[in-house]
C-alpha atoms as a PDB file:
ATOM      1  CA  UNK A   1     109.626 135.946 108.920  1.00  0.00           C
ATOM      2  CA  UNK A   2     112.969 137.744 108.838  1.00  0.00           C
ATOM      3  CA  UNK A   3     116.505 136.362 108.747  1.00  0.00           C
ATOM      4  CA  UNK A   4     116.766 137.151 112.472  1.00  0.00           C
ATOM      5  CA  UNK A   5     113.590 135.235 113.408  1.00  0.00           C
ATOM      6  CA  UNK A   6     114.092 132.317 111.012  1.00  0.00           C
ATOM      7  CA  UNK A   7     116.163 130.046 113.332  1.00  0.00           C
ATOM      8  CA  UNK A   8     113.643 129.936 116.198  1.00  0.00           C
ATOM      9  CA  UNK A   9     110.659 129.748 113.841  1.00  0.00           C
ATOM     10  CA  UNK A  10     112.267 126.835 112.006  1.00  0.00           C
ATOM     11  CA  UNK A  11     112.978 125.015 115.297  1.00  0.00           C
ATOM     12  CA  UNK A  12     109.422 125.526 116.596  1.00  0.00           C
ATOM     13  CA  UNK A  13     107.888 124.430 113.308  1.00  0.00           C
ATOM     14  CA  UNK A  14     110.155 121.377 113.146  1.00  0.00           C
ATOM     15  CA  UNK A  15     109.137 120.386 116.691  1.00  0.00           C
ATOM     16  CA  UNK A  16     105.465 120.793 115.727  1.00  0.00           C
ATOM     17  CA  UNK A  17     106.132 118.532 112.709  1.00  0.00           C
ATOM     18  CA  UNK A  18     104.349 121.031 110.481  1.00  0.00           C
ATOM     19  CA  UNK A  19     105.733 120.335 107.019  1.00  0.00           C
ATOM     20  CA  UNK A  20     103.300 122.798 105.393  1.00  0.00           C
ATOM     21  CA  UNK A  21     104.578 125.619 107.597  1.00  0.00           C
ATOM     22  CA  UNK A  22     108.201 124.639 106.872  1.00  0.00           C
ATOM     23  CA  UNK A  23     107.396 124.831 103.160  1.00  0.00           C
ATOM     24  CA  UNK A  24     105.941 128.312 103.665  1.00  0.00           C
ATOM     25  CA  UNK A  25     109.452 129.444 104.660  1.00  0.00           C
ATOM     26  CA  UNK A  26     110.774 128.252 101.292  1.00  0.00           C
ATOM     27  CA  UNK A  27     110.683 129.814  97.850  1.00  0.00           C
ATOM     28  CA  UNK A  28     108.588 127.710  95.478  1.00  0.00           C
ATOM     29  CA  UNK A  29     111.725 126.724  93.555  1.00  0.00           C
ATOM     30  CA  UNK A  30     113.920 126.196  96.626  1.00  0.00           C
ATOM     31  CA  UNK A  31     116.712 123.644  96.649  1.00  0.00           C
ATOM     32  CA  UNK A  32     116.664 121.700  99.928  1.00  0.00           C
ATOM     33  CA  UNK A  33     118.839 119.009 101.478  1.00  0.00           C
ATOM     34  CA  UNK A  34     117.159 117.545 104.559  1.00  0.00           C
ATOM     35  CA  UNK A  35     118.776 116.237 107.717  1.00  0.00           C
ATOM     36  CA  UNK A  36     118.470 112.639 106.476  1.00  0.00           C
ATOM     37  CA  UNK A  37     120.143 113.541 103.174  1.00  0.00           C
ATOM     38  CA  UNK A  38     116.994 113.859 101.085  1.00  0.00           C
ATOM     39  CA  UNK A  39     117.219 116.206  98.101  1.00  0.00           C
ATOM     40  CA  UNK A  40     114.350 118.384  96.892  1.00  0.00           C
ATOM     41  CA  UNK A  41     114.287 120.872  94.028  1.00  0.00           C
ATOM     42  CA  UNK A  42     110.987 122.522  94.971  1.00  0.00           C
ATOM     43  CA  UNK A  43     109.177 123.455  98.162  1.00  0.00           C
ATOM     44  CA  UNK A  44     106.534 120.839  97.345  1.00  0.00           C
ATOM     45  CA  UNK A  45     109.146 118.077  97.135  1.00  0.00           C
ATOM     46  CA  UNK A  46     110.708 119.334 100.369  1.00  0.00           C
ATOM     47  CA  UNK A  47     107.323 119.067 102.071  1.00  0.00           C
ATOM     48  CA  UNK A  48     107.048 115.434 101.008  1.00  0.00           C
ATOM     49  CA  UNK A  49     110.511 114.706 102.421  1.00  0.00           C
ATOM     50  CA  UNK A  50     109.698 116.492 105.692  1.00  0.00           C
ATOM     51  CA  UNK A  51     106.496 114.417 105.974  1.00  0.00           C
ATOM     52  CA  UNK A  52     108.444 111.173 105.553  1.00  0.00           C
ATOM     53  CA  UNK A  53     110.997 112.258 108.155  1.00  0.00           C
ATOM     54  CA  UNK A  54     108.260 113.304 110.607  1.00  0.00           C
ATOM     55  CA  UNK A  55     106.597 109.905 110.265  1.00  0.00           C
ATOM     56  CA  UNK A  56     109.870 108.147 111.068  1.00  0.00           C
ATOM     57  CA  UNK A  57     113.195 109.345 112.416  1.00  0.00           C
ATOM     58  CA  UNK A  58     111.959 112.737 113.596  1.00  0.00           C
ATOM     59  CA  UNK A  59     108.472 111.782 114.818  1.00  0.00           C
ATOM     60  CA  UNK A  60     109.277 113.034 118.328  1.00  0.00           C
ATOM     61  CA  UNK A  61     112.347 115.168 117.636  1.00  0.00           C
ATOM     62  CA  UNK A  62     112.944 118.771 118.509  1.00  0.00           C
ATOM     63  CA  UNK A  63     115.720 121.259 117.876  1.00  0.00           C
ATOM     64  CA  UNK A  64     117.587 123.224 120.513  1.00  0.00           C
ATOM     65  CA  UNK A  65     118.896 126.461 119.026  1.00  0.00           C
ATOM     66  CA  UNK A  66     122.620 127.050 119.309  1.00  0.00           C
ATOM     67  CA  UNK A  67     125.083 129.461 117.713  1.00  0.00           C
ATOM     68  CA  UNK A  68     123.785 131.697 114.923  1.00  0.00           C
ATOM     69  CA  UNK A  69     125.850 133.394 112.264  1.00  0.00           C
ATOM     70  CA  UNK A  70     123.961 135.754 109.970  1.00  0.00           C
ATOM     71  CA  UNK A  71     125.600 137.584 107.089  1.00  0.00           C
ATOM     72  CA  UNK A  72     123.509 140.257 105.411  1.00  0.00           C
ATOM     73  CA  UNK A  73     124.264 140.523 101.693  1.00  0.00           C
ATOM     74  CA  UNK A  74     122.514 143.834 101.189  1.00  0.00           C
ATOM     75  CA  UNK A  75     118.957 144.959 101.724  1.00  0.00           C
ATOM     76  CA  UNK A  76     117.356 141.836 100.264  1.00  0.00           C
ATOM     77  CA  UNK A  77     119.667 138.923 100.908  1.00  0.00           C
ATOM     78  CA  UNK A  78     121.247 136.983 103.746  1.00  0.00           C
ATOM     79  CA  UNK A  79     123.178 133.800 104.436  1.00  0.00           C
ATOM     80  CA  UNK A  80     122.312 132.088 107.695  1.00  0.00           C
ATOM     81  CA  UNK A  81     124.323 129.400 109.500  1.00  0.00           C
ATOM     82  CA  UNK A  82     122.390 128.014 112.466  1.00  0.00           C
ATOM     83  CA  UNK A  83     123.600 125.298 114.818  1.00  0.00           C
ATOM     84  CA  UNK A  84     121.087 123.061 116.545  1.00  0.00           C
ATOM     85  CA  UNK A  85     121.145 120.094 118.880  1.00  0.00           C
ATOM     86  CA  UNK A  86     118.686 117.424 117.718  1.00  0.00           C
ATOM     87  CA  UNK A  87     116.923 115.667 120.584  1.00  0.00           C
ATOM     88  CA  UNK A  88     114.420 112.817 120.381  1.00  0.00           C
ATOM     89  CA  UNK A  89     115.321 111.322 117.008  1.00  0.00           C
ATOM     90  CA  UNK A  90     114.506 107.608 116.718  1.00  0.00           C
ATOM     91  CA  UNK A  91     116.099 104.714 114.871  1.00  0.00           C
ATOM     92  CA  UNK A  92     114.197 102.290 112.627  1.00  0.00           C
ATOM     93  CA  UNK A  93     113.250 100.134 115.649  1.00  0.00           C
ATOM     94  CA  UNK A  94     111.890 103.157 117.521  1.00  0.00           C
ATOM     95  CA  UNK A  95     114.709 103.476 120.042  1.00  0.00           C
ATOM     96  CA  UNK A  96     115.802 107.000 120.890  1.00  0.00           C
ATOM     97  CA  UNK A  97     119.086 108.014 119.313  1.00  0.00           C
ATOM     98  CA  UNK A  98     121.693 110.013 121.230  1.00  0.00           C
ATOM     99  CA  UNK A  99     121.383 113.750 120.796  1.00  0.00           C
ATOM    100  CA  UNK A 100     123.541 115.131 118.003  1.00  0.00           C
ATOM    101  CA  UNK A 101     124.615 118.434 116.528  1.00  0.00           C
ATOM    102  CA  UNK A 102     123.336 119.735 113.222  1.00  0.00           C
ATOM    103  CA  UNK A 103     123.805 122.840 111.120  1.00  0.00           C
ATOM    104  CA  UNK A 104     121.289 124.546 108.905  1.00  0.00           C
ATOM    105  CA  UNK A 105     122.618 126.804 106.166  1.00  0.00           C
ATOM    106  CA  UNK A 106     120.121 128.926 104.261  1.00  0.00           C
ATOM    107  CA  UNK A 107     120.268 131.599 101.598  1.00  0.00           C
ATOM    108  CA  UNK A 108     117.363 133.927 102.333  1.00  0.00           C
ATOM    109  CA  UNK A 109     115.959 136.460  99.878  1.00  0.00           C
ATOM    110  CA  UNK A 110     113.378 139.183 100.365  1.00  0.00           C
ATOM    111  CA  UNK A 111     110.528 138.754  97.894  1.00  0.00           C
ATOM    112  CA  UNK A 112     107.204 140.482  97.406  1.00  0.00           C
ATOM    113  CA  UNK A 113     105.576 137.936  99.749  1.00  0.00           C
ATOM    114  CA  UNK A 114     108.312 138.211 102.412  1.00  0.00           C
ATOM    115  CA  UNK A 115     111.635 136.549 103.152  1.00  0.00           C
ATOM    116  CA  UNK A 116     112.022 133.016 101.785  1.00  0.00           C
ATOM    117  CA  UNK A 117     114.815 130.442 101.734  1.00  0.00           C
ATOM    118  CA  UNK A 118     115.934 129.784  98.168  1.00  0.00           C
ATOM    119  CA  UNK A 119     118.514 127.243  99.322  1.00  0.00           C
ATOM    120  CA  UNK A 120     118.440 125.285 102.569  1.00  0.00           C
ATOM    121  CA  UNK A 121     120.876 122.619 103.665  1.00  0.00           C
ATOM    122  CA  UNK A 122     120.454 120.759 106.956  1.00  0.00           C
ATOM    123  CA  UNK A 123     123.289 118.431 107.954  1.00  0.00           C
ATOM    124  CA  UNK A 124     124.384 116.426 110.960  1.00  0.00           C
ATOM    125  CA  UNK A 125     127.695 117.453 112.508  1.00  0.00           C
ATOM    126  CA  UNK A 126     130.384 114.973 113.498  1.00  0.00           C
ATOM    127  CA  UNK A 127     131.253 116.864 116.714  1.00  0.00           C
END
């Protein structure tokens, strides 16, 4: 994974509901805020939150990739802002919610085992 490939990989992995693969994109000590507002301070905790979301609200959801803004911070760091449209989210009764915009912001660092997100925030947008 590289900062340039991260947005589409994240979207495909989210659509596949593969929480283990999402965690593989994270540093072990990553700080994560999920789309439902869950907070995790490790990749393992993030995986548990992703699992809960994939068994509920995002059981049939997918992400459509929108505008990307990537800022390289030198040879081993980057900040990524990625817009998505979330399609197929469901409410507590199982009814499909209207599509909505979201933004993922990640600080990515190159490590011995490849690029990993050390911070990842995923938030719904009001417009």
